[in-house]
Amino acid sequence: MRLLVNIDVPDLDDAAQREWQAFGLQRGRRLGEGGLELLGAAMPASLLQQATGTIGAAGQARDHNRHWTPLHLDVAVDDLAAALARATAAGFSLGTPVLATAWGSIAVLQNPTDMDGA
């Protein structure tokens, strides 16, 4: 299993040259026309307990409902069926049907703590 951090940006080349260069990352492989892998960062994953309604660093109240964000985490696995079986046994639900693409298959899981059920 690999964890992948994905950040949506309006201009890929600008983000790679200006913003991410500040962190000392190196260009990796190109992911088609709309993606670029950045290498050189270790990524531990942390779960942080933060109560709904408390104020975050951006000054906004935390809301644990599903929402759009430019930052998302993907989990790359060798066996999608086995990973989905483990996830659903742990309480996750399949948010959309499995989608087959040119680069592989993708499934969107819904966290059991999502409050609005969307």
Protein backbone atom coordinates (compact mmCIF):
# COMPACT_ATOMS: atom_id res chain seq x y z
CA MET A 1 0.00 0.00 0.00
CA ARG A 2 1.15 3.53 -0.77
CA LEU A 3 -0.37 6.80 0.43
CA LEU A 4 -0.59 9.52 -2.19
CA VAL A 5 -1.22 13.17 -1.37
CA ASN A 6 -2.95 15.01 -4.23
CA ILE A 7 -3.30 18.79 -4.42
CA ASP A 8 -5.55 20.38 -7.05
CA VAL A 9 -3.92 23.48 -8.56
CA PRO A 10 -5.09 25.83 -11.33
CA ASP A 11 -1.66 25.96 -13.07
CA LEU A 12 0.51 22.85 -12.84
CA ASP A 13 3.78 24.35 -14.07
CA ASP A 14 3.44 27.42 -11.86
CA ALA A 15 2.76 25.28 -8.79
CA ALA A 16 5.73 23.00 -9.52
CA GLN A 17 8.16 25.86 -10.22
CA ARG A 18 7.16 28.46 -7.66
CA GLU A 19 5.18 27.07 -4.78
CA TRP A 20 6.55 23.54 -4.36
CA GLN A 21 10.16 24.41 -5.14
CA ALA A 22 10.18 26.17 -1.77
CA PHE A 23 9.97 22.79 -0.05
CA GLY A 24 12.95 21.24 -1.85
CA LEU A 25 10.91 18.67 -3.76
CA GLN A 26 12.11 17.23 -7.05
CA ARG A 27 10.11 16.68 -10.22
CA GLY A 28 9.18 13.05 -10.68
CA ARG A 29 7.31 11.49 -13.56
CA ARG A 30 4.71 13.34 -15.57
CA LEU A 31 1.17 11.99 -15.02
CA GLY A 32 -0.36 12.84 -18.37
CA GLU A 33 -1.07 16.45 -19.27
CA GLY A 34 -2.58 17.33 -15.92
CA GLY A 35 -0.33 15.78 -13.32
CA LEU A 36 3.23 15.85 -12.06
CA GLU A 37 4.70 13.71 -9.31
CA LEU A 38 6.80 15.57 -6.75
CA LEU A 39 9.40 13.51 -4.89
CA GLY A 40 11.57 13.90 -1.83
CA ALA A 41 9.12 14.13 1.08
CA ALA A 42 8.51 11.51 3.74
CA MET A 43 4.86 11.27 4.67
CA PRO A 44 3.78 9.93 8.01
CA ALA A 45 0.00 9.85 8.38
CA SER A 46 -1.56 11.30 11.53
CA LEU A 47 -5.10 11.14 12.85
CA LEU A 48 -5.87 14.26 14.88
CA GLN A 49 -8.90 14.36 17.14
CA GLN A 50 -10.56 17.75 16.74
CA ALA A 51 -14.12 18.28 17.94
CA THR A 52 -16.73 19.54 15.49
CA GLY A 53 -17.22 23.28 15.92
CA THR A 54 -13.78 24.02 17.35
CA ILE A 55 -11.82 26.70 15.51
CA GLY A 56 -8.99 25.56 13.23
CA ALA A 57 -5.80 27.36 12.21
CA ALA A 58 -7.62 29.10 9.33
CA GLY A 59 -10.07 30.64 11.81
CA GLN A 60 -13.01 28.54 10.61
CA ALA A 61 -15.10 26.17 12.68
CA ARG A 62 -14.35 22.52 11.99
CA ASP A 63 -17.05 20.62 10.15
CA HIS A 64 -16.63 16.87 9.70
CA ASN A 65 -19.30 16.57 7.00
CA ARG A 66 -18.10 15.64 3.53
CA HIS A 67 -16.85 18.66 1.62
CA TRP A 68 -14.71 19.62 -1.32
CA THR A 69 -11.06 20.36 -0.68
CA PRO A 70 -8.09 20.84 -3.02
CA LEU A 71 -6.15 18.37 -0.89
CA HIS A 72 -7.05 14.70 -0.90
CA LEU A 73 -5.41 11.44 0.07
CA ASP A 74 -5.38 8.38 -2.16
CA VAL A 75 -4.44 4.89 -1.07
CA ALA A 76 -2.81 2.86 -3.87
CA VAL A 77 -3.15 -0.91 -3.45
CA ASP A 78 -2.18 -3.97 -5.47
CA ASP A 79 -5.53 -5.75 -4.96
CA LEU A 80 -8.52 -3.38 -5.05
CA ALA A 81 -11.11 -6.09 -4.32
CA ALA A 82 -9.28 -7.22 -1.18
CA ALA A 83 -8.75 -3.61 -0.04
CA LEU A 84 -12.45 -2.83 -0.54
CA ALA A 85 -13.42 -5.93 1.44
CA ARG A 86 -11.19 -4.81 4.34
CA ALA A 87 -12.51 -1.23 4.17
CA THR A 88 -16.17 -2.22 4.16
CA ALA A 89 -15.56 -4.68 7.00
CA ALA A 90 -14.09 -1.74 8.95
CA GLY A 91 -17.24 0.34 8.40
CA PHE A 92 -16.46 2.32 5.24
CA SER A 93 -18.99 2.33 2.42
CA LEU A 94 -18.47 2.59 -1.32
CA GLY A 95 -19.35 6.18 -2.24
CA THR A 96 -19.43 5.61 -6.01
CA PRO A 97 -19.17 2.54 -8.23
CA VAL A 98 -15.63 1.35 -9.01
CA LEU A 99 -14.40 3.22 -12.08
CA ALA A 100 -11.99 1.58 -14.56
CA THR A 101 -9.55 4.05 -16.17
CA ALA A 102 -6.52 3.81 -18.47
CA TRP A 103 -4.17 3.87 -15.47
CA GLY A 104 -6.14 1.50 -13.23
CA SER A 105 -9.32 1.31 -11.22
CA ILE A 106 -10.48 3.75 -8.58
CA ALA A 107 -13.02 3.49 -5.79
CA VAL A 108 -14.27 6.32 -3.61
CA LEU A 109 -14.87 5.32 -0.02
CA GLN A 110 -17.08 7.15 2.42
CA ASN A 111 -15.71 7.47 5.92
CA PRO A 112 -18.09 6.10 8.56
CA THR A 113 -17.72 9.36 10.53
CA ASP A 114 -19.15 11.49 7.69
CA MET A 115 -22.24 13.03 9.21
CA ASP A 116 -24.36 14.01 6.22
CA GLY A 117 -24.29 10.64 4.43
CA ALA A 118 -23.35 12.25 1.08
